[in-house]
Amino acid sequence: SITHAVSRVAQETPVLNFLAAKLLMGTASLLTFTIPFTQKLRNRR
């Protein structure tokens, strides 16, 4: 039924939001680490 599908999606959405947030945090932390590092390597050349 439609209500069953909606409730099922509503239960799974927090997990997807959590995974998306973790992915965004991971990429953001990677960028903050890699960008200064690559700039240091470029300055050494």
PDB file of N, CA and C in Angstrom:
ATOM      1  N   SER A   1       0.839  -1.204   0.000  1.00  0.00           N
ATOM      2  CA  SER A   1       0.000   0.000   0.000  1.00  0.00           C
ATOM      3  C   SER A   1       0.867   1.244   0.000  1.00  0.00           C
ATOM      4  N   ILE A   2       0.254   2.380  -0.319  1.00  0.00           N
ATOM      5  CA  ILE A   2       1.015   3.632  -0.397  1.00  0.00           C
ATOM      6  C   ILE A   2       1.490   4.056   0.995  1.00  0.00           C
ATOM      7  N   THR A   3       0.607   3.947   1.983  1.00  0.00           N
ATOM      8  CA  THR A   3       0.993   4.381   3.332  1.00  0.00           C
ATOM      9  C   THR A   3       2.145   3.540   3.869  1.00  0.00           C
ATOM     10  N   HIS A   4       2.146   2.259   3.534  1.00  0.00           N
ATOM     11  CA  HIS A   4       3.234   1.380   3.979  1.00  0.00           C
ATOM     12  C   HIS A   4       4.550   1.808   3.337  1.00  0.00           C
ATOM     13  N   ALA A   5       4.507   2.147   2.055  1.00  0.00           N
ATOM     14  CA  ALA A   5       5.717   2.579   1.357  1.00  0.00           C
ATOM     15  C   ALA A   5       6.219   3.898   1.923  1.00  0.00           C
ATOM     16  N   VAL A   6       5.289   4.813   2.208  1.00  0.00           N
ATOM     17  CA  VAL A   6       5.693   6.117   2.750  1.00  0.00           C
ATOM     18  C   VAL A   6       6.334   5.946   4.124  1.00  0.00           C
ATOM     19  N   SER A   7       5.719   5.127   4.974  1.00  0.00           N
ATOM     20  CA  SER A   7       6.279   4.912   6.308  1.00  0.00           C
ATOM     21  C   SER A   7       7.639   4.227   6.212  1.00  0.00           C
ATOM     22  N   ARG A   8       7.788   3.351   5.241  1.00  0.00           N
ATOM     23  CA  ARG A   8       9.060   2.658   5.060  1.00  0.00           C
ATOM     24  C   ARG A   8      10.147   3.643   4.634  1.00  0.00           C
ATOM     25  N   VAL A   9       9.814   4.528   3.702  1.00  0.00           N
ATOM     26  CA  VAL A   9      10.784   5.539   3.264  1.00  0.00           C
ATOM     27  C   VAL A   9      11.128   6.471   4.420  1.00  0.00           C
ATOM     28  N   ALA A  10      10.117   6.825   5.209  1.00  0.00           N
ATOM     29  CA  ALA A  10      10.352   7.727   6.340  1.00  0.00           C
ATOM     30  C   ALA A  10      11.304   7.091   7.347  1.00  0.00           C
ATOM     31  N   GLN A  11      11.231   5.776   7.499  1.00  0.00           N
ATOM     32  CA  GLN A  11      12.128   5.094   8.429  1.00  0.00           C
ATOM     33  C   GLN A  11      13.545   5.009   7.863  1.00  0.00           C
ATOM     34  N   GLU A  12      13.663   4.878   6.550  1.00  0.00           N
ATOM     35  CA  GLU A  12      14.990   4.724   5.945  1.00  0.00           C
ATOM     36  C   GLU A  12      15.672   6.062   5.676  1.00  0.00           C
ATOM     37  N   THR A  13      14.886   7.147   5.613  1.00  0.00           N
ATOM     38  CA  THR A  13      15.462   8.447   5.273  1.00  0.00           C
ATOM     39  C   THR A  13      16.502   8.922   6.290  1.00  0.00           C
ATOM     40  N   PRO A  14      16.268   8.810   7.598  1.00  0.00           N
ATOM     41  CA  PRO A  14      17.303   9.252   8.547  1.00  0.00           C
ATOM     42  C   PRO A  14      18.641   8.566   8.322  1.00  0.00           C
ATOM     43  N   VAL A  15      18.599   7.293   7.938  1.00  0.00           N
ATOM     44  CA  VAL A  15      19.849   6.576   7.674  1.00  0.00           C
ATOM     45  C   VAL A  15      20.547   7.182   6.466  1.00  0.00           C
ATOM     46  N   LEU A  16      19.772   7.486   5.421  1.00  0.00           N
ATOM     47  CA  LEU A  16      20.361   8.083   4.224  1.00  0.00           C
ATOM     48  C   LEU A  16      20.916   9.464   4.542  1.00  0.00           C
ATOM     49  N   ASN A  17      20.168  10.242   5.332  1.00  0.00           N
ATOM     50  CA  ASN A  17      20.646  11.569   5.712  1.00  0.00           C
ATOM     51  C   ASN A  17      21.925  11.461   6.532  1.00  0.00           C
ATOM     52  N   PHE A  18      21.978  10.469   7.418  1.00  0.00           N
ATOM     53  CA  PHE A  18      23.164  10.273   8.246  1.00  0.00           C
ATOM     54  C   PHE A  18      24.363   9.913   7.379  1.00  0.00           C
ATOM     55  N   LEU A  19      24.158   9.002   6.422  1.00  0.00           N
ATOM     56  CA  LEU A  19      25.251   8.604   5.536  1.00  0.00           C
ATOM     57  C   LEU A  19      25.699   9.773   4.673  1.00  0.00           C
ATOM     58  N   ALA A  20      24.741  10.563   4.184  1.00  0.00           N
ATOM     59  CA  ALA A  20      25.084  11.720   3.358  1.00  0.00           C
ATOM     60  C   ALA A  20      25.870  12.734   4.173  1.00  0.00           C
ATOM     61  N   ALA A  21      25.467  12.941   5.423  1.00  0.00           N
ATOM     62  CA  ALA A  21      26.174  13.889   6.282  1.00  0.00           C
ATOM     63  C   ALA A  21      27.594  13.399   6.555  1.00  0.00           C
ATOM     64  N   LYS A  22      27.736  12.097   6.822  1.00  0.00           N
ATOM     65  CA  LYS A  22      29.064  11.549   7.065  1.00  0.00           C
ATOM     66  C   LYS A  22      29.943  11.682   5.825  1.00  0.00           C
ATOM     67  N   LEU A  23      29.330  11.468   4.652  1.00  0.00           N
ATOM     68  CA  LEU A  23      30.084  11.580   3.411  1.00  0.00           C
ATOM     69  C   LEU A  23      30.538  13.016   3.189  1.00  0.00           C
ATOM     70  N   LEU A  24      29.638  13.978   3.443  1.00  0.00           N
ATOM     71  CA  LEU A  24      29.991  15.385   3.278  1.00  0.00           C
ATOM     72  C   LEU A  24      31.083  15.782   4.267  1.00  0.00           C
ATOM     73  N   MET A  25      30.956  15.324   5.508  1.00  0.00           N
ATOM     74  CA  MET A  25      31.970  15.646   6.504  1.00  0.00           C
ATOM     75  C   MET A  25      33.315  15.036   6.123  1.00  0.00           C
ATOM     76  N   GLY A  26      33.277  13.821   5.595  1.00  0.00           N
ATOM     77  CA  GLY A  26      34.513  13.167   5.190  1.00  0.00           C
ATOM     78  C   GLY A  26      35.202  13.894   4.054  1.00  0.00           C
ATOM     79  N   THR A  27      34.431  14.288   3.040  1.00  0.00           N
ATOM     80  CA  THR A  27      35.022  14.991   1.907  1.00  0.00           C
ATOM     81  C   THR A  27      35.513  16.368   2.332  1.00  0.00           C
ATOM     82  N   ALA A  28      34.768  17.031   3.224  1.00  0.00           N
ATOM     83  CA  ALA A  28      35.179  18.358   3.684  1.00  0.00           C
ATOM     84  C   ALA A  28      36.487  18.270   4.459  1.00  0.00           C
ATOM     85  N   SER A  29      36.596  17.275   5.344  1.00  0.00           N
ATOM     86  CA  SER A  29      37.827  17.116   6.118  1.00  0.00           C
ATOM     87  C   SER A  29      38.989  16.749   5.205  1.00  0.00           C
ATOM     88  N   LEU A  30      38.717  15.933   4.187  1.00  0.00           N
ATOM     89  CA  LEU A  30      39.773  15.578   3.241  1.00  0.00           C
ATOM     90  C   LEU A  30      40.253  16.810   2.488  1.00  0.00           C
ATOM     91  N   LEU A  31      39.306  17.670   2.077  1.00  0.00           N
ATOM     92  CA  LEU A  31      39.687  18.876   1.349  1.00  0.00           C
ATOM     93  C   LEU A  31      40.506  19.798   2.239  1.00  0.00           C
ATOM     94  N   THR A  32      40.093  19.962   3.506  1.00  0.00           N
ATOM     95  CA  THR A  32      40.820  20.866   4.397  1.00  0.00           C
ATOM     96  C   THR A  32      42.226  20.344   4.658  1.00  0.00           C
ATOM     97  N   PHE A  33      42.415  19.027   4.584  1.00  0.00           N
ATOM     98  CA  PHE A  33      43.755  18.467   4.791  1.00  0.00           C
ATOM     99  C   PHE A  33      44.587  18.522   3.516  1.00  0.00           C
ATOM    100  N   THR A  34      43.973  18.206   2.357  1.00  0.00           N
ATOM    101  CA  THR A  34      44.748  18.057   1.130  1.00  0.00           C
ATOM    102  C   THR A  34      45.086  19.394   0.490  1.00  0.00           C
ATOM    103  N   ILE A  35      44.192  20.388   0.596  1.00  0.00           N
ATOM    104  CA  ILE A  35      44.446  21.666  -0.084  1.00  0.00           C
ATOM    105  C   ILE A  35      45.692  22.363   0.472  1.00  0.00           C
ATOM    106  N   PRO A  36      45.836  22.537   1.802  1.00  0.00           N
ATOM    107  CA  PRO A  36      47.071  23.155   2.306  1.00  0.00           C
ATOM    108  C   PRO A  36      48.305  22.316   1.994  1.00  0.00           C
ATOM    109  N   PHE A  37      48.148  20.991   2.002  1.00  0.00           N
ATOM    110  CA  PHE A  37      49.278  20.104   1.737  1.00  0.00           C
ATOM    111  C   PHE A  37      49.763  20.272   0.305  1.00  0.00           C
ATOM    112  N   THR A  38      48.835  20.337  -0.662  1.00  0.00           N
ATOM    113  CA  THR A  38      49.225  20.504  -2.061  1.00  0.00           C
ATOM    114  C   THR A  38      49.816  21.888  -2.291  1.00  0.00           C
ATOM    115  N   GLN A  39      49.308  22.889  -1.553  1.00  0.00           N
ATOM    116  CA  GLN A  39      49.871  24.233  -1.694  1.00  0.00           C
ATOM    117  C   GLN A  39      51.306  24.272  -1.187  1.00  0.00           C
ATOM    118  N   LYS A  40      51.592  23.539  -0.109  1.00  0.00           N
ATOM    119  CA  LYS A  40      52.958  23.480   0.405  1.00  0.00           C
ATOM    120  C   LYS A  40      53.878  22.810  -0.604  1.00  0.00           C
ATOM    121  N   LEU A  41      53.393  21.735  -1.246  1.00  0.00           N
ATOM    122  CA  LEU A  41      54.203  21.048  -2.241  1.00  0.00           C
ATOM    123  C   LEU A  41      54.474  21.960  -3.428  1.00  0.00           C
ATOM    124  N   ARG A  42      53.482  22.744  -3.824  1.00  0.00           N
ATOM    125  CA  ARG A  42      53.674  23.651  -4.960  1.00  0.00           C
ATOM    126  C   ARG A  42      54.671  24.750  -4.617  1.00  0.00           C
ATOM    127  N   ASN A  43      54.643  25.223  -3.362  1.00  0.00           N
ATOM    128  CA  ASN A  43      55.555  26.288  -2.972  1.00  0.00           C
ATOM    129  C   ASN A  43      56.993  25.784  -2.911  1.00  0.00           C
ATOM    130  N   ARG A  44      57.192  24.510  -2.627  1.00  0.00           N
ATOM    131  CA  ARG A  44      58.547  23.965  -2.542  1.00  0.00           C
ATOM    132  C   ARG A  44      59.202  23.891  -3.911  1.00  0.00           C
ATOM    133  N   ARG A  45      58.395  23.723  -4.965  1.00  0.00           N
ATOM    134  CA  ARG A  45      58.985  23.560  -6.291  1.00  0.00           C
ATOM    135  C   ARG A  45      59.578  24.841  -6.835  1.00  0.00           C
TER     136      ARG A  45
END
